[in-house]
Amino acid sequence: MRDFAIELTDRPGELGRVATALSRYGVNLKAVSGLSVGNHVLVRLIADDEESAREALRKAEIKFDEGEVVPALLENRAGELAALTAKLSEAKVNLRAIYMTGIVDTLVELAVVVDDPEKARQVLD
C-alpha cells in the first residue's frame, strides 16, 4: 500500500481539483488528511487503486510524492501511540505521516508512512 503526498496552494478549489481528477479515474479514498500552514497545504491520501490514482494525478498535472505504508494495529487505550512512536524513534525511523484507517471494538488500525519501511515493520511486528 502507498500514500500520495500532494502540495497545494491555500486557495479555494485546490482540493476539489485533486478530488475531481481522482474521481474521473474511479479512485476511491481509503484515508485522507490535510493541513494548511501559511500559504501551503499538504494533502496526503491512500487510494484504493494506486495505479489509477497515479495516472489520474499525472494526467491532471498534479505533482505528488509517494511513500510506502506500513500497517499497525493497536489496542484502543491510552499510551499505545506513545509506545509505537517510541519504538520507531529508538530504531531511528522517521515518521512522515500517520493515518487512522479503522477502529473496531478495542482495536485501532493505523497506516504509518516512514523513511525506512523495512525497519519499521521489524520494529512494529
Protein backbone atom coordinates (compact mmCIF):
# COMPACT_ATOMS: atom_id res chain seq x y z
CA MET A 1 0.00 0.00 0.00
CA ARG A 2 1.24 3.51 -0.82
CA ASP A 3 0.31 7.02 0.14
CA PHE A 4 0.35 10.10 -2.05
CA ALA A 5 1.57 13.45 -0.69
CA ILE A 6 0.34 16.45 -2.65
CA GLU A 7 1.40 20.06 -2.02
CA LEU A 8 -1.22 22.65 -2.92
CA THR A 9 -1.63 26.38 -2.56
CA ASP A 10 -4.07 27.61 0.05
CA ARG A 11 -6.87 28.84 -2.19
CA PRO A 12 -10.43 27.76 -2.96
CA GLY A 13 -10.83 24.80 -5.30
CA GLU A 14 -7.40 23.18 -4.91
CA LEU A 15 -8.60 20.08 -3.09
CA GLY A 16 -11.58 19.94 -5.43
CA ARG A 17 -9.18 19.80 -8.38
CA VAL A 18 -7.46 16.76 -6.84
CA ALA A 19 -10.75 15.07 -5.93
CA THR A 20 -12.13 15.64 -9.43
CA ALA A 21 -9.02 14.19 -11.07
CA LEU A 22 -9.22 11.08 -8.90
CA SER A 23 -12.96 10.66 -9.41
CA ARG A 24 -12.54 10.72 -13.19
CA TYR A 25 -10.49 7.54 -12.84
CA GLY A 26 -12.89 5.94 -10.37
CA VAL A 27 -10.43 6.20 -7.47
CA ASN A 28 -11.94 5.76 -4.03
CA LEU A 29 -10.04 7.04 -1.00
CA LYS A 30 -9.29 4.77 1.96
CA ALA A 31 -7.84 7.63 4.03
CA VAL A 32 -7.13 11.33 3.59
CA SER A 33 -5.58 14.09 5.67
CA GLY A 34 -4.73 17.70 5.05
CA LEU A 35 -3.03 20.57 6.79
CA SER A 36 -2.67 24.22 5.89
CA VAL A 37 0.40 26.15 7.03
CA GLY A 38 0.73 29.69 5.73
CA ASN A 39 0.01 29.64 2.00
CA HIS A 40 0.78 25.94 1.60
CA VAL A 41 -1.42 22.91 2.02
CA LEU A 42 -0.22 19.33 2.29
CA VAL A 43 -2.78 16.69 1.44
CA ARG A 44 -1.96 13.03 1.96
CA LEU A 45 -4.16 10.21 0.78
CA ILE A 46 -4.34 6.47 0.48
CA ALA A 47 -6.24 5.32 -2.61
CA ASP A 48 -7.96 2.00 -3.21
CA ASP A 49 -6.29 1.76 -6.64
CA GLU A 50 -2.73 3.07 -6.65
CA GLU A 51 -2.15 2.76 -10.39
CA SER A 52 -5.33 4.67 -11.25
CA ALA A 53 -4.56 7.33 -8.65
CA ARG A 54 -1.04 7.75 -10.03
CA GLU A 55 -2.34 8.06 -13.60
CA ALA A 56 -5.12 10.47 -12.59
CA LEU A 57 -2.70 12.79 -10.81
CA ARG A 58 -0.19 12.69 -13.66
CA LYS A 59 -2.80 13.37 -16.34
CA ALA A 60 -4.11 16.32 -14.30
CA GLU A 61 -0.50 17.56 -13.90
CA ILE A 62 -0.77 17.41 -10.12
CA LYS A 63 2.66 16.90 -8.57
CA PHE A 64 2.94 14.27 -5.85
CA ASP A 65 5.36 12.15 -3.88
CA GLU A 66 4.70 8.58 -2.84
CA GLY A 67 5.53 6.69 0.31
CA GLU A 68 5.15 3.09 1.36
CA VAL A 69 2.54 2.46 4.04
CA VAL A 70 3.24 0.19 6.99
CA PRO A 71 0.08 -1.06 8.71
CA ALA A 72 -0.10 -1.14 12.51
CA LEU A 73 -2.78 -2.50 14.81
CA LEU A 74 -3.03 -1.04 18.31
CA GLU A 75 -5.22 -1.51 21.33
CA ASN A 76 -7.61 1.43 21.72
CA ARG A 77 -6.21 2.68 25.02
CA ALA A 78 -4.03 5.45 26.37
CA GLY A 79 -0.30 5.06 25.73
CA GLU A 80 -0.43 2.85 22.63
CA LEU A 81 0.53 5.62 20.21
CA ALA A 82 3.30 6.70 22.58
CA ALA A 83 4.65 3.14 22.59
CA LEU A 84 4.51 2.89 18.78
CA THR A 85 6.32 6.20 18.26
CA ALA A 86 8.92 5.31 20.92
CA LYS A 87 9.73 2.07 19.07
CA LEU A 88 10.17 3.95 15.81
CA SER A 89 12.29 6.62 17.46
CA GLU A 90 14.56 4.10 19.18
CA ALA A 91 15.09 2.39 15.81
CA LYS A 92 15.93 5.79 14.24
CA VAL A 93 12.91 5.55 11.92
CA ASN A 94 11.47 8.92 10.95
CA LEU A 95 7.68 9.20 10.88
CA ARG A 96 6.37 11.12 7.85
CA ALA A 97 2.63 10.53 8.14
CA ILE A 98 0.12 8.55 10.16
CA TYR A 99 -3.50 7.80 9.36
CA MET A 100 -6.22 6.13 11.35
CA THR A 101 -7.78 3.77 8.83
CA GLY A 102 -10.19 1.87 11.04
CA ILE A 103 -11.47 1.19 14.51
CA VAL A 104 -13.27 -1.96 15.64
CA ASP A 105 -14.16 -2.72 19.24
CA THR A 106 -10.88 -2.37 21.15
CA LEU A 107 -8.54 -2.16 18.14
CA VAL A 108 -7.33 0.80 16.09
CA GLU A 109 -5.84 0.27 12.66
CA LEU A 110 -3.17 2.77 11.62
CA ALA A 111 -1.32 3.35 8.37
CA VAL A 112 2.18 4.67 9.03
CA VAL A 113 4.46 6.27 6.43
CA VAL A 114 8.14 6.30 7.40
CA ASP A 115 11.57 6.81 5.89
CA ASP A 116 12.54 3.14 6.39
CA PRO A 117 9.53 0.82 5.92
CA GLU A 118 11.54 -2.41 6.34
CA LYS A 119 12.97 -1.35 9.68
CA ALA A 120 9.55 -0.11 10.79
CA ARG A 121 7.98 -3.48 10.00
CA GLN A 122 10.66 -5.26 12.03
CA VAL A 123 10.19 -2.93 14.99
CA LEU A 124 6.39 -2.94 14.92
CA ASP A 125 5.84 -6.68 14.45
